[in-house]
Amino acid sequence: MDTDVNDLPKSQEICQRLLRGYQFSDSDLYSPGDDELYTILDGHFEQFRGVLAAVGFSLERDDGVMFLQKDDKALSNEEKQSIVVLYLLADLWMESGKPYSDLFSLTVAWHELDWFRDGYGREYLAQTGIEDNDLSAIEDLLRRLARKGLVDYRAETSTVTLRKPAERVLNMARRIHNQMKAQGGMTDE
């Protein structure tokens, strides 16, 4: 007999975090407190899926990442900013000759990257409301992304490390960027 999700410990906290946009991943196994939440959700995934579906939400799993899928595909401005900032972070990091995989294991001094260089980076940021030299807007966004489980952000050192859920966002950003280039709308200048 299946356990009712309401009888599981911390089920309310898990559901609240999912509803606020948090994406649970196996990265949580290394974070005190979050490890228990991830283990409960992972072990009772189908029960959580059923309860959330009953109230109109779709709980999905993608390679160890568990998240709520939005049926409304229109992106909010914050979601657009997240895609742009994570994409540019990866692009600027690799442009400086560093490997992509290090973004997920090393701390990156994000403010030292040339966010507002000429070309598509400046244009992408402007399209989401982040204007020239507004590093505080990027910092605020990184703090929000940390609360959603996409990055680990350290304010005292102004460094960021990507977590596994960010890879999903980066893959989407690459597809969008490639589509725009194929349509002739963007150059890599």
N, C-alpha and C. Protein backbone atom coordinates (compact mmCIF):
# COMPACT_ATOMS: atom_id res chain seq x y z
N MET A 1 0.84 -1.19 0.00
CA MET A 1 0.00 0.00 0.00
C MET A 1 0.88 1.25 0.00
N ASP A 2 0.58 2.18 -0.91
CA ASP A 2 1.36 3.40 -1.01
C ASP A 2 1.09 4.32 0.17
N THR A 3 2.12 4.98 0.61
CA THR A 3 1.99 5.97 1.65
C THR A 3 1.41 7.24 1.06
N ASP A 4 0.46 7.85 1.73
CA ASP A 4 -0.09 9.14 1.31
C ASP A 4 1.03 10.17 1.44
N VAL A 5 1.21 11.01 0.41
CA VAL A 5 2.28 11.99 0.43
C VAL A 5 2.16 12.92 1.63
N ASN A 6 0.94 13.17 2.10
CA ASN A 6 0.76 14.04 3.27
C ASN A 6 1.29 13.40 4.54
N ASP A 7 1.46 12.07 4.54
CA ASP A 7 2.01 11.38 5.70
C ASP A 7 3.54 11.37 5.70
N LEU A 8 4.14 11.75 4.59
CA LEU A 8 5.60 11.76 4.50
C LEU A 8 6.16 12.97 5.23
N PRO A 9 7.29 12.78 5.89
CA PRO A 9 7.90 13.94 6.55
C PRO A 9 8.35 14.97 5.50
N LYS A 10 8.20 16.23 5.84
CA LYS A 10 8.68 17.35 5.03
C LYS A 10 7.98 17.50 3.68
N SER A 11 6.83 16.83 3.48
CA SER A 11 6.15 16.92 2.19
C SER A 11 5.69 18.35 1.89
N GLN A 12 5.23 19.05 2.91
CA GLN A 12 4.78 20.42 2.70
C GLN A 12 5.96 21.30 2.27
N GLU A 13 7.11 21.14 2.92
CA GLU A 13 8.29 21.93 2.56
C GLU A 13 8.75 21.62 1.14
N ILE A 14 8.71 20.34 0.76
CA ILE A 14 9.10 19.95 -0.60
C ILE A 14 8.18 20.59 -1.62
N CYS A 15 6.88 20.49 -1.41
CA CYS A 15 5.91 21.06 -2.35
C CYS A 15 6.04 22.58 -2.43
N GLN A 16 6.24 23.24 -1.31
CA GLN A 16 6.38 24.69 -1.31
C GLN A 16 7.61 25.12 -2.11
N ARG A 17 8.71 24.39 -1.94
CA ARG A 17 9.93 24.74 -2.68
C ARG A 17 9.74 24.52 -4.17
N LEU A 18 9.09 23.42 -4.54
CA LEU A 18 8.82 23.17 -5.96
C LEU A 18 7.94 24.28 -6.54
N LEU A 19 6.92 24.69 -5.80
CA LEU A 19 6.01 25.72 -6.28
C LEU A 19 6.69 27.08 -6.39
N ARG A 20 7.75 27.31 -5.62
CA ARG A 20 8.52 28.56 -5.72
C ARG A 20 9.54 28.50 -6.85
N GLY A 21 9.62 27.36 -7.56
CA GLY A 21 10.52 27.25 -8.71
C GLY A 21 11.81 26.51 -8.45
N TYR A 22 11.97 25.97 -7.24
CA TYR A 22 13.20 25.24 -6.94
C TYR A 22 13.27 23.95 -7.74
N GLN A 23 14.43 23.63 -8.27
CA GLN A 23 14.64 22.39 -9.00
C GLN A 23 15.55 21.50 -8.17
N PHE A 24 15.02 20.40 -7.66
CA PHE A 24 15.81 19.47 -6.87
C PHE A 24 16.73 18.69 -7.81
N SER A 25 17.97 18.47 -7.37
CA SER A 25 18.91 17.67 -8.16
C SER A 25 19.81 16.89 -7.22
N ASP A 26 20.54 15.95 -7.80
CA ASP A 26 21.43 15.16 -6.95
C ASP A 26 22.54 16.01 -6.34
N SER A 27 22.68 17.25 -6.77
CA SER A 27 23.58 18.19 -6.10
C SER A 27 23.12 18.45 -4.67
N ASP A 28 21.82 18.30 -4.44
CA ASP A 28 21.26 18.51 -3.11
C ASP A 28 21.76 17.47 -2.11
N LEU A 29 22.22 16.34 -2.59
CA LEU A 29 22.72 15.29 -1.70
C LEU A 29 23.95 15.74 -0.92
N TYR A 30 24.60 16.81 -1.39
CA TYR A 30 25.80 17.32 -0.73
C TYR A 30 25.52 18.59 0.07
N SER A 31 24.24 18.89 0.24
CA SER A 31 23.85 20.09 0.97
C SER A 31 23.05 19.69 2.20
N PRO A 32 23.57 19.97 3.40
CA PRO A 32 22.85 19.58 4.62
C PRO A 32 21.43 20.15 4.64
N GLY A 33 20.49 19.30 4.95
CA GLY A 33 19.08 19.69 4.97
C GLY A 33 18.41 19.40 3.65
N ASP A 34 19.04 19.81 2.57
CA ASP A 34 18.48 19.55 1.24
C ASP A 34 18.61 18.08 0.87
N ASP A 35 19.61 17.41 1.42
CA ASP A 35 19.80 15.99 1.11
C ASP A 35 18.59 15.17 1.53
N GLU A 36 18.02 15.48 2.68
CA GLU A 36 16.84 14.76 3.15
C GLU A 36 15.64 15.03 2.25
N LEU A 37 15.46 16.28 1.85
CA LEU A 37 14.34 16.63 0.98
C LEU A 37 14.45 15.92 -0.37
N TYR A 38 15.65 15.93 -0.94
CA TYR A 38 15.86 15.26 -2.23
C TYR A 38 15.57 13.76 -2.12
N THR A 39 16.05 13.14 -1.05
CA THR A 39 15.87 11.70 -0.86
C THR A 39 14.38 11.35 -0.72
N ILE A 40 13.64 12.15 0.03
CA ILE A 40 12.19 11.91 0.19
C ILE A 40 11.49 12.06 -1.15
N LEU A 41 11.77 13.14 -1.87
CA LEU A 41 11.13 13.37 -3.17
C LEU A 41 11.49 12.27 -4.16
N ASP A 42 12.75 11.91 -4.20
CA ASP A 42 13.21 10.87 -5.12
C ASP A 42 12.56 9.52 -4.81
N GLY A 43 12.48 9.17 -3.53
CA GLY A 43 11.92 7.89 -3.12
C GLY A 43 10.41 7.78 -3.28
N HIS A 44 9.74 8.91 -3.30
CA HIS A 44 8.27 8.92 -3.39
C HIS A 44 7.82 9.79 -4.57
N PHE A 45 8.60 9.77 -5.63
CA PHE A 45 8.36 10.64 -6.78
C PHE A 45 6.95 10.49 -7.34
N GLU A 46 6.52 9.26 -7.57
CA GLU A 46 5.20 9.04 -8.18
C GLU A 46 4.07 9.53 -7.29
N GLN A 47 4.24 9.41 -5.99
CA GLN A 47 3.20 9.91 -5.08
C GLN A 47 3.13 11.44 -5.13
N PHE A 48 4.29 12.09 -5.12
CA PHE A 48 4.30 13.55 -5.25
C PHE A 48 3.74 13.97 -6.60
N ARG A 49 4.09 13.23 -7.65
CA ARG A 49 3.59 13.54 -8.99
C ARG A 49 2.06 13.49 -9.02
N GLY A 50 1.49 12.45 -8.41
CA GLY A 50 0.04 12.30 -8.38
C GLY A 50 -0.65 13.41 -7.63
N VAL A 51 -0.13 13.77 -6.48
CA VAL A 51 -0.74 14.84 -5.68
C VAL A 51 -0.64 16.18 -6.41
N LEU A 52 0.51 16.47 -6.97
CA LEU A 52 0.68 17.75 -7.67
C LEU A 52 -0.15 17.79 -8.95
N ALA A 53 -0.31 16.66 -9.63
CA ALA A 53 -1.15 16.61 -10.84
C ALA A 53 -2.61 16.89 -10.48
N ALA A 54 -3.03 16.42 -9.31
CA ALA A 54 -4.41 16.62 -8.88
C ALA A 54 -4.75 18.10 -8.68
N VAL A 55 -3.72 18.90 -8.42
CA VAL A 55 -3.96 20.33 -8.24
C VAL A 55 -3.42 21.15 -9.43
N GLY A 56 -3.15 20.47 -10.55
CA GLY A 56 -2.83 21.17 -11.79
C GLY A 56 -1.37 21.39 -12.10
N PHE A 57 -0.47 20.70 -11.42
CA PHE A 57 0.96 20.87 -11.69
C PHE A 57 1.56 19.57 -12.20
N SER A 58 2.54 19.68 -13.07
CA SER A 58 3.19 18.52 -13.67
C SER A 58 4.61 18.38 -13.12
N LEU A 59 4.83 17.37 -12.27
CA LEU A 59 6.15 17.10 -11.73
C LEU A 59 6.91 16.22 -12.72
N GLU A 60 8.09 16.65 -13.12
CA GLU A 60 8.89 15.94 -14.12
C GLU A 60 10.24 15.58 -13.55
N ARG A 61 10.88 14.63 -14.22
CA ARG A 61 12.23 14.19 -13.84
C ARG A 61 13.07 14.17 -15.11
N ASP A 62 14.26 14.74 -15.03
CA ASP A 62 15.17 14.77 -16.17
C ASP A 62 16.59 14.56 -15.65
N ASP A 63 17.09 13.35 -15.80
CA ASP A 63 18.47 13.02 -15.43
C ASP A 63 18.84 13.49 -14.01
N GLY A 64 18.05 13.08 -13.04
CA GLY A 64 18.35 13.41 -11.65
C GLY A 64 17.83 14.75 -11.19
N VAL A 65 17.23 15.53 -12.10
CA VAL A 65 16.65 16.82 -11.75
C VAL A 65 15.14 16.65 -11.70
N MET A 66 14.53 17.09 -10.60
CA MET A 66 13.07 17.00 -10.42
C MET A 66 12.52 18.41 -10.29
N PHE A 67 11.51 18.74 -11.11
CA PHE A 67 11.02 20.10 -11.20
C PHE A 67 9.57 20.10 -11.66
N LEU A 68 8.90 21.23 -11.44
CA LEU A 68 7.54 21.41 -11.94
C LEU A 68 7.63 21.99 -13.35
N GLN A 69 6.90 21.37 -14.26
CA GLN A 69 6.85 21.82 -15.65
C GLN A 69 5.70 22.80 -15.79
N LYS A 70 5.95 23.93 -16.42
CA LYS A 70 4.90 24.91 -16.67
C LYS A 70 4.19 24.54 -17.96
N ASP A 71 2.86 24.53 -17.90
CA ASP A 71 2.09 24.30 -19.12
C ASP A 71 2.09 25.54 -19.99
N ASP A 72 2.10 26.70 -19.37
CA ASP A 72 2.16 27.96 -20.10
C ASP A 72 3.62 28.19 -20.50
N LYS A 73 3.90 28.13 -21.78
CA LYS A 73 5.28 28.20 -22.24
C LYS A 73 5.81 29.62 -22.40
N ALA A 74 4.99 30.63 -22.14
CA ALA A 74 5.47 32.01 -22.22
C ALA A 74 6.44 32.24 -21.06
N LEU A 75 7.63 32.71 -21.39
CA LEU A 75 8.65 32.93 -20.36
C LEU A 75 8.45 34.28 -19.68
N SER A 76 8.63 34.30 -18.37
CA SER A 76 8.63 35.57 -17.64
C SER A 76 9.94 36.29 -17.93
N ASN A 77 10.01 37.58 -17.60
CA ASN A 77 11.26 38.31 -17.81
C ASN A 77 12.39 37.72 -16.97
N GLU A 78 12.08 37.27 -15.74
CA GLU A 78 13.12 36.66 -14.91
C GLU A 78 13.65 35.38 -15.56
N GLU A 79 12.77 34.60 -16.16
CA GLU A 79 13.21 33.38 -16.84
C GLU A 79 14.07 33.73 -18.05
N LYS A 80 13.70 34.77 -18.77
CA LYS A 80 14.52 35.22 -19.90
C LYS A 80 15.90 35.68 -19.42
N GLN A 81 15.90 36.46 -18.34
CA GLN A 81 17.18 36.91 -17.78
C GLN A 81 18.03 35.73 -17.35
N SER A 82 17.40 34.72 -16.75
CA SER A 82 18.14 33.54 -16.30
C SER A 82 18.80 32.84 -17.48
N ILE A 83 18.06 32.66 -18.56
CA ILE A 83 18.61 32.01 -19.74
C ILE A 83 19.78 32.81 -20.29
N VAL A 84 19.60 34.11 -20.42
CA VAL A 84 20.65 34.96 -20.99
C VAL A 84 21.89 34.99 -20.10
N VAL A 85 21.71 35.19 -18.82
CA VAL A 85 22.85 35.31 -17.92
C VAL A 85 23.62 33.98 -17.82
N LEU A 86 22.92 32.87 -17.71
CA LEU A 86 23.63 31.58 -17.64
C LEU A 86 24.33 31.28 -18.96
N TYR A 87 23.68 31.59 -20.08
CA TYR A 87 24.30 31.37 -21.38
C TYR A 87 25.57 32.22 -21.52
N LEU A 88 25.46 33.51 -21.20
CA LEU A 88 26.62 34.39 -21.33
C LEU A 88 27.72 34.01 -20.35
N LEU A 89 27.37 33.60 -19.15
CA LEU A 89 28.37 33.15 -18.19
C LEU A 89 29.19 32.00 -18.78
N ALA A 90 28.50 31.01 -19.33
CA ALA A 90 29.20 29.86 -19.93
C ALA A 90 30.02 30.30 -21.14
N ASP A 91 29.44 31.15 -21.97
CA ASP A 91 30.12 31.60 -23.18
C ASP A 91 31.38 32.40 -22.84
N LEU A 92 31.26 33.35 -21.91
CA LEU A 92 32.41 34.17 -21.53
C LEU A 92 33.49 33.33 -20.85
N TRP A 93 33.07 32.34 -20.07
CA TRP A 93 34.00 31.44 -19.40
C TRP A 93 34.81 30.65 -20.43
N MET A 94 34.10 30.06 -21.40
CA MET A 94 34.79 29.26 -22.42
C MET A 94 35.61 30.14 -23.36
N GLU A 95 35.14 31.35 -23.61
CA GLU A 95 35.89 32.28 -24.45
C GLU A 95 37.25 32.60 -23.84
N SER A 96 37.35 32.54 -22.52
CA SER A 96 38.63 32.80 -21.86
C SER A 96 39.50 31.54 -21.80
N GLY A 97 39.08 30.49 -22.52
CA GLY A 97 39.90 29.29 -22.65
C GLY A 97 39.70 28.24 -21.58
N LYS A 98 38.66 28.38 -20.79
CA LYS A 98 38.42 27.43 -19.70
C LYS A 98 37.35 26.42 -20.11
N PRO A 99 37.46 25.18 -19.61
CA PRO A 99 36.49 24.14 -20.01
C PRO A 99 35.11 24.33 -19.39
N TYR A 100 34.11 23.97 -20.19
CA TYR A 100 32.70 24.06 -19.79
C TYR A 100 32.45 23.33 -18.47
N SER A 101 33.01 22.13 -18.33
CA SER A 101 32.74 21.31 -17.14
C SER A 101 33.20 21.99 -15.84
N ASP A 102 34.19 22.88 -15.93
CA ASP A 102 34.66 23.57 -14.73
C ASP A 102 33.60 24.50 -14.14
N LEU A 103 32.63 24.93 -14.95
CA LEU A 103 31.55 25.78 -14.44
C LEU A 103 30.76 25.07 -13.35
N PHE A 104 30.77 23.73 -13.37
CA PHE A 104 29.99 22.94 -12.43
C PHE A 104 30.83 22.46 -11.25
N SER A 105 32.13 22.77 -11.26
CA SER A 105 32.97 22.31 -10.16
C SER A 105 33.82 23.42 -9.55
N LEU A 106 34.08 24.48 -10.28
CA LEU A 106 34.90 25.58 -9.77
C LEU A 106 34.03 26.80 -9.47
N THR A 107 34.52 27.65 -8.59
CA THR A 107 33.84 28.91 -8.37
C THR A 107 34.33 29.89 -9.43
N VAL A 108 33.40 30.62 -9.99
CA VAL A 108 33.69 31.57 -11.06
C VAL A 108 33.48 32.98 -10.52
N ALA A 109 34.50 33.81 -10.64
CA ALA A 109 34.36 35.21 -10.26
C ALA A 109 33.61 35.91 -11.39
N TRP A 110 32.30 35.83 -11.35
CA TRP A 110 31.44 36.26 -12.46
C TRP A 110 31.60 37.73 -12.82
N HIS A 111 31.85 38.58 -11.82
CA HIS A 111 31.94 40.02 -12.06
C HIS A 111 33.20 40.42 -12.82
N GLU A 112 34.16 39.51 -12.90
CA GLU A 112 35.40 39.79 -13.64
C GLU A 112 35.26 39.52 -15.13
N LEU A 113 34.16 38.90 -15.54
CA LEU A 113 33.93 38.61 -16.95
C LEU A 113 33.40 39.86 -17.65
N ASP A 114 33.66 39.98 -18.94
CA ASP A 114 33.27 41.15 -19.71
C ASP A 114 31.84 41.00 -20.22
N TRP A 115 30.87 41.20 -19.33
CA TRP A 115 29.45 41.00 -19.62
C TRP A 115 28.93 41.92 -20.71
N PHE A 116 29.45 43.13 -20.78
CA PHE A 116 28.88 44.14 -21.66
C PHE A 116 29.78 44.45 -22.85
N ARG A 117 30.46 43.41 -23.32
CA ARG A 117 31.30 43.60 -24.51
C ARG A 117 30.39 43.88 -25.70
N ASP A 118 30.96 44.34 -26.77
CA ASP A 118 30.18 44.58 -27.98
C ASP A 118 29.61 43.26 -28.49
N GLY A 119 28.51 43.35 -29.21
CA GLY A 119 27.95 42.17 -29.85
C GLY A 119 26.71 41.64 -29.15
N TYR A 120 26.49 40.35 -29.36
CA TYR A 120 25.23 39.76 -28.92
C TYR A 120 25.06 39.76 -27.40
N GLY A 121 26.13 39.70 -26.62
CA GLY A 121 26.00 39.69 -25.16
C GLY A 121 25.29 40.93 -24.65
N ARG A 122 25.74 42.09 -25.10
CA ARG A 122 25.11 43.35 -24.70
C ARG A 122 23.66 43.40 -25.18
N GLU A 123 23.43 42.94 -26.42
CA GLU A 123 22.07 42.95 -26.98
C GLU A 123 21.15 42.02 -26.21
N TYR A 124 21.62 40.81 -25.92
CA TYR A 124 20.81 39.85 -25.16
C TYR A 124 20.44 40.42 -23.80
N LEU A 125 21.42 40.98 -23.09
CA LEU A 125 21.15 41.54 -21.76
C LEU A 125 20.15 42.69 -21.85
N ALA A 126 20.32 43.57 -22.82
CA ALA A 126 19.42 44.71 -22.98
C ALA A 126 17.98 44.25 -23.26
N GLN A 127 17.83 43.18 -24.02
CA GLN A 127 16.49 42.69 -24.34
C GLN A 127 15.75 42.18 -23.10
N THR A 128 16.48 41.86 -22.05
CA THR A 128 15.84 41.38 -20.83
C THR A 128 15.83 42.44 -19.73
N GLY A 129 16.23 43.67 -20.07
CA GLY A 129 16.17 44.77 -19.12
C GLY A 129 17.43 44.97 -18.29
N ILE A 130 18.52 44.30 -18.63
CA ILE A 130 19.79 44.51 -17.93
C ILE A 130 20.63 45.43 -18.81
N GLU A 131 20.79 46.65 -18.35
CA GLU A 131 21.48 47.67 -19.15
C GLU A 131 22.98 47.67 -18.87
N ASP A 132 23.72 48.39 -19.73
CA ASP A 132 25.18 48.46 -19.65
C ASP A 132 25.68 48.69 -18.23
N ASN A 133 26.65 47.89 -17.85
CA ASN A 133 27.37 48.00 -16.58
C ASN A 133 26.50 47.82 -15.34
N ASP A 134 25.33 47.23 -15.47
CA ASP A 134 24.45 47.00 -14.32
C ASP A 134 24.74 45.63 -13.71
N LEU A 135 25.91 45.52 -13.11
CA LEU A 135 26.29 44.25 -12.49
C LEU A 135 25.42 43.92 -11.29
N SER A 136 24.81 44.93 -10.67
CA SER A 136 23.93 44.65 -9.52
C SER A 136 22.68 43.87 -9.96
N ALA A 137 22.19 44.12 -11.18
CA ALA A 137 21.03 43.36 -11.69
C ALA A 137 21.42 41.90 -11.89
N ILE A 138 22.63 41.67 -12.38
CA ILE A 138 23.11 40.29 -12.56
C ILE A 138 23.29 39.62 -11.21
N GLU A 139 23.85 40.35 -10.25
CA GLU A 139 24.03 39.80 -8.91
C GLU A 139 22.69 39.44 -8.27
N ASP A 140 21.70 40.31 -8.39
CA ASP A 140 20.36 40.01 -7.85
C ASP A 140 19.79 38.76 -8.49
N LEU A 141 19.96 38.63 -9.79
CA LEU A 141 19.46 37.45 -10.49
C LEU A 141 20.18 36.19 -10.00
N LEU A 142 21.49 36.26 -9.82
CA LEU A 142 22.24 35.08 -9.34
C LEU A 142 21.76 34.67 -7.95
N ARG A 143 21.43 35.62 -7.11
CA ARG A 143 20.88 35.30 -5.78
C ARG A 143 19.55 34.55 -5.92
N ARG A 144 18.69 35.02 -6.83
CA ARG A 144 17.40 34.35 -7.05
C ARG A 144 17.61 32.95 -7.64
N LEU A 145 18.57 32.82 -8.53
CA LEU A 145 18.86 31.51 -9.11
C LEU A 145 19.39 30.54 -8.05
N ALA A 146 20.11 31.05 -7.08
CA ALA A 146 20.59 30.21 -5.97
C ALA A 146 19.42 29.68 -5.15
N ARG A 147 18.42 30.54 -4.92
CA ARG A 147 17.24 30.10 -4.17
C ARG A 147 16.44 29.05 -4.94
N LYS A 148 16.60 29.01 -6.25
CA LYS A 148 15.89 28.03 -7.07
C LYS A 148 16.72 26.77 -7.34
N GLY A 149 17.93 26.72 -6.79
CA GLY A 149 18.75 25.51 -6.92
C GLY A 149 19.54 25.41 -8.21
N LEU A 150 19.61 26.48 -8.98
CA LEU A 150 20.34 26.44 -10.25
C LEU A 150 21.84 26.71 -10.08
N VAL A 151 22.20 27.51 -9.08
CA VAL A 151 23.59 27.85 -8.85
C VAL A 151 23.87 27.87 -7.35
N ASP A 152 25.15 27.80 -7.02
CA ASP A 152 25.61 28.11 -5.67
C ASP A 152 26.24 29.49 -5.79
N TYR A 153 25.75 30.44 -5.01
CA TYR A 153 26.25 31.81 -5.09
C TYR A 153 26.83 32.20 -3.75
N ARG A 154 28.03 32.77 -3.76
CA ARG A 154 28.69 33.25 -2.56
C ARG A 154 28.86 34.76 -2.66
N ALA A 155 28.02 35.48 -1.95
CA ALA A 155 28.02 36.95 -2.01
C ALA A 155 29.33 37.53 -1.49
N GLU A 156 29.89 36.92 -0.45
CA GLU A 156 31.10 37.48 0.15
C GLU A 156 32.30 37.45 -0.79
N THR A 157 32.32 36.54 -1.76
CA THR A 157 33.42 36.47 -2.72
C THR A 157 32.98 36.80 -4.14
N SER A 158 31.69 37.07 -4.33
CA SER A 158 31.11 37.32 -5.66
C SER A 158 31.47 36.22 -6.64
N THR A 159 31.27 34.99 -6.19
CA THR A 159 31.55 33.84 -7.05
C THR A 159 30.30 32.98 -7.19
N VAL A 160 30.25 32.25 -8.28
CA VAL A 160 29.12 31.38 -8.58
C VAL A 160 29.65 30.05 -9.11
N THR A 161 28.95 28.98 -8.76
CA THR A 161 29.21 27.65 -9.32
C THR A 161 27.87 27.13 -9.80
N LEU A 162 27.84 26.63 -11.02
CA LEU A 162 26.59 26.11 -11.56
C LEU A 162 26.26 24.76 -10.93
N ARG A 163 24.97 24.49 -10.76
CA ARG A 163 24.49 23.20 -10.28
C ARG A 163 23.84 22.48 -11.46
N LYS A 164 23.60 21.21 -11.31
CA LYS A 164 23.11 20.38 -12.40
C LYS A 164 21.86 20.94 -13.09
N PRO A 165 20.86 21.50 -12.38
CA PRO A 165 19.71 22.03 -13.09
C PRO A 165 20.05 23.14 -14.09
N ALA A 166 21.14 23.85 -13.88
CA ALA A 166 21.53 24.92 -14.81
C ALA A 166 21.88 24.36 -16.18
N GLU A 167 22.31 23.12 -16.24
CA GLU A 167 22.66 22.52 -17.52
C GLU A 167 21.44 22.44 -18.44
N ARG A 168 20.27 22.17 -17.88
CA ARG A 168 19.04 22.16 -18.67
C ARG A 168 18.80 23.53 -19.28
N VAL A 169 19.01 24.59 -18.50
CA VAL A 169 18.80 25.94 -18.99
C VAL A 169 19.83 26.27 -20.07
N LEU A 170 21.07 25.86 -19.87
CA LEU A 170 22.11 26.13 -20.87
C LEU A 170 21.82 25.41 -22.17
N ASN A 171 21.34 24.19 -22.09
CA ASN A 171 21.00 23.46 -23.32
C ASN A 171 19.89 24.18 -24.08
N MET A 172 18.88 24.68 -23.36
CA MET A 172 17.81 25.43 -23.99
C MET A 172 18.36 26.72 -24.60
N ALA A 173 19.24 27.40 -23.90
CA ALA A 173 19.81 28.65 -24.40
C ALA A 173 20.61 28.41 -25.68
N ARG A 174 21.37 27.34 -25.71
CA ARG A 174 22.14 27.02 -26.93
C ARG A 174 21.20 26.76 -28.11
N ARG A 175 20.11 26.04 -27.87
CA ARG A 175 19.15 25.77 -28.96
C ARG A 175 18.54 27.08 -29.46
N ILE A 176 18.14 27.96 -28.55
CA ILE A 176 17.56 29.25 -28.94
C ILE A 176 18.57 30.08 -29.73
N HIS A 177 19.81 30.13 -29.23
CA HIS A 177 20.86 30.91 -29.89
C HIS A 177 21.11 30.37 -31.30
N ASN A 178 21.20 29.07 -31.45
CA ASN A 178 21.44 28.47 -32.76
C ASN A 178 20.27 28.73 -33.71
N GLN A 179 19.04 28.69 -33.19
CA GLN A 179 17.88 28.99 -34.03
C GLN A 179 17.92 30.44 -34.52
N MET A 180 18.30 31.34 -33.62
CA MET A 180 18.37 32.76 -33.99
C MET A 180 19.46 32.99 -35.04
N LYS A 181 20.60 32.33 -34.87
CA LYS A 181 21.67 32.46 -35.86
C LYS A 181 21.23 31.90 -37.20
N ALA A 182 20.53 30.77 -37.19
CA ALA A 182 20.07 30.14 -38.43
C ALA A 182 19.06 31.04 -39.15
N GLN A 183 18.29 31.81 -38.39
CA GLN A 183 17.31 32.72 -38.99
C GLN A 183 17.95 34.03 -39.43
N GLY A 184 19.24 34.16 -39.17
CA GLY A 184 19.96 35.36 -39.59
C GLY A 184 19.81 36.54 -38.67
N GLY A 185 19.28 36.30 -37.46
CA GLY A 185 19.04 37.40 -36.54
C GLY A 185 20.20 37.77 -35.66
N MET A 186 21.21 36.94 -35.56
CA MET A 186 22.29 37.22 -34.61
C MET A 186 23.63 36.89 -35.26
N THR A 187 24.65 37.59 -34.82
CA THR A 187 26.03 37.26 -35.17
C THR A 187 26.79 37.10 -33.87
N ASP A 188 27.96 36.52 -33.92
CA ASP A 188 28.76 36.31 -32.72
C ASP A 188 29.79 37.42 -32.52
N GLU A 189 29.50 38.62 -32.97
CA GLU A 189 30.44 39.72 -32.80
C GLU A 189 30.35 40.31 -31.44
